[in-house]
Amino acid sequence: MTARLPSLNGLRAFEAAARHLSFTRAASELNVTQTAISHQIKRLEEELGVRLFVRQNRALELTREARDYLPGIRAAFNDLRLATDRLLQKGDDNVLTISTLASFAAKWLLPRLSAFQAAHPEIDVRITTSTSLVDFARDNVDAAIRYGRGQWPGVRSMWLMADEVFPVCSPELLDGKHPLRQPEDLRHQVLLNTSSYEDDWRQWLTAAGLPPDISGRRGITFDQIFMTVQAAIDGAGVAMGRTSYVRDDIANRRLVVPFDIALPVNAGFYLVSPEGGIDRPKLRAFRQWLAASAQGQS
């Protein structure tokens, strides 16, 4: 004869209390009272005929039977969550949400995105920007483009590309009142900085054999590199460019590279997605297109 399943509420209370080793924290998570958790677990113990918890010196401990029981219950709830996730995502298979940095979106991703849309008109792409790491368990995001060294636990990482850093300026500034012919000519220029890459100018000037404070004019600092790049296009000064953010502007002669000194950086861009998650067709299509696009820029 098939055994009757115990109360689902009791199992939820048991799993949460066992995970936290606290009735109080389990109650907070499940949005019920501590008394309700106690009653549900007591009822579960009566249904099973097994004691699950032992109180010792105000601490909550699992019995041996509970320790044996917990992995199966936890796996069952994970299966329920995954099944529910699959069910809810079936109606959302045409929406692809990608998180990335605002500057990367503005200067690299968005100018190329029309090619992906042309190839996959059935996919509704949504771009969200943030400087924070995505929590795939909490945020409604399919994948993220991150900058770093690829060492993020719990995610699947795919290498895209790396940058070099080098000065850029508008063509008018190159041949302006104080022409830029050699790095020493920067002493007459306003240096444009980005706060998130504040060490780029110092490293480049050091590599060029120049003092970090070579410019006799006060610089301008922006908190987003796409703003720094735009200021350089507008002729406000010389910016320290990064390949991903200035490649298109150089190709279209909105910017020029006055010197031939470029420094590699020890980080790069990665596409990250949930580890062990379902690789749905929309994400697989985006991953393949993104890898090909990035390879074409290397």
Protein backbone atom coordinates (compact mmCIF):
# COMPACT_ATOMS: atom_id res chain seq x y z
CA MET A 1 0.00 0.00 0.00
CA THR A 2 1.29 3.48 -0.88
CA ALA A 3 2.15 5.58 2.18
CA ARG A 4 0.12 8.74 2.61
CA LEU A 5 2.19 11.88 2.08
CA PRO A 6 2.58 14.11 5.13
CA SER A 7 1.36 17.70 5.28
CA LEU A 8 3.03 19.97 2.71
CA ASN A 9 2.94 22.87 5.19
CA GLY A 10 4.67 20.67 7.73
CA LEU A 11 7.37 19.70 5.25
CA ARG A 12 7.94 23.36 4.31
CA ALA A 13 8.23 24.27 7.98
CA PHE A 14 10.64 21.38 8.59
CA GLU A 15 12.86 22.26 5.61
CA ALA A 16 13.08 25.94 6.55
CA ALA A 17 13.65 25.27 10.27
CA ALA A 18 16.29 22.63 9.47
CA ARG A 19 18.07 25.01 7.09
CA HIS A 20 18.13 27.87 9.61
CA LEU A 21 18.23 25.70 12.76
CA SER A 22 15.76 28.23 14.08
CA PHE A 23 11.97 28.26 14.36
CA THR A 24 12.07 32.08 14.51
CA ARG A 25 13.97 32.52 11.23
CA ALA A 26 11.87 29.83 9.55
CA ALA A 27 8.73 31.70 10.61
CA SER A 28 10.12 34.96 9.20
CA GLU A 29 10.98 33.32 5.87
CA LEU A 30 7.55 31.68 5.51
CA ASN A 31 5.73 34.77 6.78
CA VAL A 32 3.97 32.97 9.64
CA THR A 33 4.30 33.05 13.43
CA GLN A 34 6.82 31.02 15.39
CA THR A 35 3.88 29.29 17.07
CA ALA A 36 2.57 28.20 13.67
CA ILE A 37 5.96 26.69 12.81
CA SER A 38 6.01 24.81 16.12
CA HIS A 39 2.49 23.44 15.55
CA GLN A 40 3.25 22.40 11.96
CA ILE A 41 6.41 20.56 12.94
CA LYS A 42 4.69 18.90 15.91
CA ARG A 43 1.93 17.71 13.59
CA LEU A 44 4.54 16.45 11.10
CA GLU A 45 6.33 14.52 13.85
CA GLU A 46 3.01 12.95 14.87
CA GLU A 47 2.23 12.00 11.27
CA LEU A 48 5.65 10.44 10.80
CA GLY A 49 5.92 9.00 14.28
CA VAL A 50 9.48 10.36 14.39
CA ARG A 51 11.07 13.12 16.43
CA LEU A 52 12.81 15.67 14.20
CA PHE A 53 14.30 18.35 16.47
CA VAL A 54 16.04 18.47 19.84
CA ARG A 55 16.46 21.65 21.89
CA GLN A 56 19.79 21.89 23.72
CA ASN A 57 20.94 25.00 25.60
CA ARG A 58 18.63 27.24 23.56
CA ALA A 59 20.03 25.73 20.35
CA LEU A 60 18.04 23.68 17.88
CA GLU A 61 19.53 20.45 16.58
CA LEU A 62 18.35 17.83 14.11
CA THR A 63 17.85 14.26 15.24
CA ARG A 64 19.62 11.51 13.33
CA GLU A 65 16.34 10.63 11.61
CA ALA A 66 15.85 14.26 10.56
CA ARG A 67 19.37 14.46 9.12
CA ASP A 68 18.61 11.40 6.99
CA TYR A 69 15.21 12.79 5.95
CA LEU A 70 16.30 16.34 5.09
CA PRO A 71 18.25 15.77 1.80
CA GLY A 72 15.28 14.07 0.15
CA ILE A 73 12.86 16.79 1.29
CA ARG A 74 15.22 19.52 0.12
CA ALA A 75 15.65 17.84 -3.27
CA ALA A 76 11.87 17.47 -3.61
CA PHE A 77 11.31 21.19 -2.97
CA ASN A 78 14.08 22.07 -5.46
CA ASP A 79 12.36 19.89 -8.05
CA LEU A 80 9.07 21.66 -7.36
CA ARG A 81 10.72 25.06 -7.79
CA LEU A 82 12.38 24.00 -11.07
CA ALA A 83 9.13 22.53 -12.40
CA THR A 84 7.28 25.73 -11.52
CA ASP A 85 10.02 27.82 -13.10
CA ARG A 86 9.78 25.82 -16.33
CA LEU A 87 6.01 26.20 -16.35
CA LEU A 88 6.11 29.96 -15.86
CA GLN A 89 8.92 30.46 -18.36
CA LYS A 90 7.08 28.70 -21.19
CA GLY A 91 5.02 31.82 -21.80
CA ASP A 92 8.12 34.00 -21.56
CA ASP A 93 10.39 32.18 -24.00
CA ASN A 94 10.41 35.08 -26.43
CA VAL A 95 11.72 37.59 -23.84
CA LEU A 96 15.48 37.72 -23.23
CA THR A 97 16.69 40.00 -20.42
CA ILE A 98 20.39 40.91 -20.36
CA SER A 99 22.10 42.94 -17.63
CA THR A 100 25.29 44.87 -18.30
CA LEU A 101 27.18 48.09 -17.57
CA ALA A 102 25.59 51.26 -18.91
CA SER A 103 28.72 52.29 -20.80
CA PHE A 104 29.19 48.88 -22.40
CA ALA A 105 25.56 48.89 -23.46
CA ALA A 106 25.81 52.38 -24.94
CA LYS A 107 29.15 52.09 -26.71
CA TRP A 108 29.37 48.43 -27.75
CA LEU A 109 26.23 46.33 -27.31
CA LEU A 110 23.45 48.60 -28.55
CA PRO A 111 25.13 49.60 -31.83
CA ARG A 112 25.37 45.87 -32.70
CA LEU A 113 22.08 44.65 -31.29
CA SER A 114 20.09 45.32 -34.46
CA ALA A 115 22.03 42.50 -36.12
CA PHE A 116 20.81 40.06 -33.47
CA GLN A 117 17.25 41.32 -33.79
CA ALA A 118 17.39 40.94 -37.56
CA ALA A 119 18.55 37.34 -37.18
CA HIS A 120 16.07 36.53 -34.38
CA PRO A 121 12.97 38.72 -34.78
CA GLU A 122 11.00 36.34 -32.57
CA ILE A 123 13.08 37.28 -29.49
CA ASP A 124 12.18 40.38 -27.50
CA VAL A 125 15.49 41.66 -26.08
CA ARG A 126 15.43 43.73 -22.91
CA ILE A 127 18.59 45.45 -21.66
CA THR A 128 18.99 46.48 -18.04
CA THR A 129 22.05 48.27 -16.67
CA SER A 130 23.64 48.04 -13.26
CA THR A 131 27.06 48.19 -11.64
CA SER A 132 26.03 45.46 -9.18
CA LEU A 133 26.46 41.75 -9.81
CA VAL A 134 23.27 40.00 -10.84
CA ASP A 135 21.71 37.56 -8.38
CA PHE A 136 20.15 35.03 -10.76
CA ALA A 137 18.15 33.49 -7.92
CA ARG A 138 16.49 36.85 -7.21
CA ASP A 139 16.67 39.03 -10.31
CA ASN A 140 14.56 38.43 -13.41
CA VAL A 141 17.60 38.27 -15.70
CA ASP A 142 18.62 35.55 -18.17
CA ALA A 143 22.29 36.47 -18.48
CA ALA A 144 24.72 39.30 -17.73
CA ILE A 145 27.79 40.77 -19.37
CA ARG A 146 30.35 41.35 -16.64
CA TYR A 147 33.80 42.91 -16.55
CA GLY A 148 36.46 41.19 -14.49
CA ARG A 149 38.63 38.08 -14.43
CA GLY A 150 35.91 35.48 -14.80
CA GLN A 151 36.15 34.20 -11.24
CA TRP A 152 32.56 34.35 -10.04
CA PRO A 153 31.25 31.35 -8.10
CA GLY A 154 27.95 29.76 -9.02
CA VAL A 155 27.75 31.06 -12.61
CA ARG A 156 28.69 29.84 -16.06
CA SER A 157 31.21 32.24 -17.64
CA MET A 158 32.03 32.65 -21.34
CA TRP A 159 35.02 34.81 -22.31
CA LEU A 160 34.21 37.58 -24.79
CA MET A 161 37.07 40.03 -25.18
CA ALA A 162 39.68 42.20 -23.48
CA ASP A 163 40.62 45.85 -23.82
CA GLU A 164 43.73 47.93 -24.32
CA VAL A 165 43.98 51.44 -22.91
CA PHE A 166 45.32 54.43 -24.85
CA PRO A 167 44.62 58.18 -25.23
CA VAL A 168 42.01 59.38 -27.73
CA CYS A 169 40.84 62.83 -28.77
CA SER A 170 38.81 64.57 -31.43
CA PRO A 171 40.50 65.17 -34.83
CA GLU A 172 40.15 68.92 -34.27
CA LEU A 173 42.09 68.74 -31.02
CA LEU A 174 44.86 66.75 -32.67
CA ASP A 175 45.78 69.68 -34.91
CA GLY A 176 44.46 72.49 -32.73
CA LYS A 177 46.18 75.36 -30.93
CA HIS A 178 48.45 72.89 -29.12
CA PRO A 179 48.97 69.99 -31.58
CA LEU A 180 49.49 66.49 -30.23
CA ARG A 181 52.59 65.06 -31.83
CA GLN A 182 54.25 63.30 -28.90
CA PRO A 183 53.16 62.35 -25.36
CA GLU A 184 54.94 65.36 -23.86
CA ASP A 185 52.40 67.58 -25.64
CA LEU A 186 49.77 66.42 -23.14
CA ARG A 187 51.07 69.11 -20.77
CA HIS A 188 48.89 71.60 -22.68
CA GLN A 189 45.74 69.46 -22.60
CA VAL A 190 42.85 68.77 -20.25
CA LEU A 191 42.93 65.08 -19.28
CA LEU A 192 39.51 63.42 -19.14
CA ASN A 193 39.13 60.71 -16.49
CA THR A 194 36.63 58.00 -15.53
CA SER A 195 36.27 57.34 -11.81
CA SER A 196 35.85 53.58 -12.25
CA TYR A 197 39.12 53.46 -14.24
CA GLU A 198 40.93 56.17 -12.33
CA ASP A 199 44.34 54.43 -12.54
CA ASP A 200 44.43 54.22 -16.35
CA TRP A 201 46.05 57.62 -16.93
CA ARG A 202 48.73 57.06 -14.28
CA GLN A 203 49.68 53.68 -15.72
CA TRP A 204 49.77 54.94 -19.29
CA LEU A 205 51.81 58.06 -18.44
CA THR A 206 54.25 55.92 -16.46
CA ALA A 207 54.63 53.56 -19.44
CA ALA A 208 55.26 56.62 -21.65
CA GLY A 209 57.97 57.84 -19.23
CA LEU A 210 55.99 60.87 -18.11
CA PRO A 211 54.93 62.16 -14.69
CA PRO A 212 51.26 61.51 -13.73
CA ASP A 213 50.68 65.25 -13.26
CA ILE A 214 52.04 66.29 -16.65
CA SER A 215 48.99 68.36 -17.57
CA GLY A 216 49.11 71.91 -16.31
CA ARG A 217 45.33 72.11 -16.44
CA ARG A 218 42.74 70.66 -14.09
CA GLY A 219 41.20 67.50 -15.44
CA ILE A 220 37.55 66.47 -15.67
CA THR A 221 36.30 63.23 -14.13
CA PHE A 222 33.11 61.37 -15.09
CA ASP A 223 31.49 58.40 -13.38
CA GLN A 224 30.69 56.60 -16.66
CA ILE A 225 33.22 56.01 -19.41
CA PHE A 226 30.69 56.67 -22.19
CA MET A 227 30.46 60.23 -20.83
CA THR A 228 34.26 60.52 -20.87
CA VAL A 229 34.31 59.33 -24.48
CA GLN A 230 31.59 61.79 -25.48
CA ALA A 231 33.50 64.65 -23.86
CA ALA A 232 36.54 63.70 -25.96
CA ILE A 233 34.40 63.62 -29.11
CA ASP A 234 33.15 67.11 -28.23
CA GLY A 235 36.74 68.37 -27.93
CA ALA A 236 36.75 68.90 -24.15
CA GLY A 237 40.12 67.23 -23.75
CA VAL A 238 42.08 64.00 -24.18
CA ALA A 239 40.44 60.86 -22.79
CA MET A 240 41.99 57.59 -21.76
CA GLY A 241 40.09 55.23 -24.03
CA ARG A 242 39.42 51.50 -23.76
CA THR A 243 39.08 49.46 -26.92
CA SER A 244 35.48 48.32 -26.42
CA TYR A 245 34.28 51.86 -25.80
CA VAL A 246 36.12 53.77 -28.55
CA ARG A 247 36.55 51.31 -31.44
CA ASP A 248 33.48 52.46 -33.34
CA ASP A 249 34.22 56.15 -32.79
CA ILE A 250 37.75 55.67 -34.11
CA ALA A 251 36.45 53.76 -37.14
CA ASN A 252 34.04 56.63 -37.88
CA ARG A 253 36.72 59.31 -37.31
CA ARG A 254 34.88 60.84 -34.38
CA LEU A 255 38.03 60.08 -32.41
CA VAL A 256 41.69 59.65 -33.31
CA VAL A 257 44.59 57.94 -31.52
CA PRO A 258 47.43 60.47 -31.23
CA PHE A 259 50.13 58.08 -29.96
CA ASP A 260 51.10 54.47 -30.62
CA ILE A 261 51.46 53.39 -26.97
CA ALA A 262 48.69 51.02 -25.81
CA LEU A 263 48.57 49.02 -22.59
CA PRO A 264 46.78 45.67 -22.20
CA VAL A 265 44.56 45.19 -19.15
CA ASN A 266 44.37 42.05 -17.05
CA ALA A 267 40.58 41.77 -17.08
CA GLY A 268 37.93 41.38 -19.72
CA PHE A 269 34.27 40.96 -20.59
CA TYR A 270 32.37 37.73 -19.95
CA LEU A 271 28.84 36.55 -20.58
CA VAL A 272 27.60 34.87 -17.41
CA SER A 273 24.44 32.84 -16.85
CA PRO A 274 23.14 30.58 -14.09
CA GLU A 275 25.27 27.50 -13.54
CA GLY A 276 23.36 24.32 -14.23
CA GLY A 277 20.34 26.26 -15.45
CA ILE A 278 18.23 25.47 -18.47
CA ASP A 279 20.00 26.72 -21.59
CA ARG A 280 16.89 27.79 -23.44
CA PRO A 281 16.96 28.49 -27.20
CA LYS A 282 16.76 32.28 -26.77
CA LEU A 283 19.86 32.35 -24.54
CA ARG A 284 21.73 29.87 -26.71
CA ALA A 285 21.05 32.06 -29.76
CA PHE A 286 22.26 35.19 -27.96
CA ARG A 287 25.37 33.43 -26.67
CA GLN A 288 26.34 32.27 -30.16
CA TRP A 289 25.71 35.69 -31.70
CA LEU A 290 27.59 37.50 -28.93
CA ALA A 291 30.62 35.21 -29.20
CA ALA A 292 30.79 35.74 -32.96
CA SER A 293 30.40 39.52 -32.58
CA ALA A 294 33.12 39.71 -29.93
CA GLN A 295 35.45 37.54 -32.00
CA GLY A 296 34.97 39.89 -34.91
CA GLN A 297 36.19 42.76 -32.71
CA SER A 298 39.32 41.04 -31.42
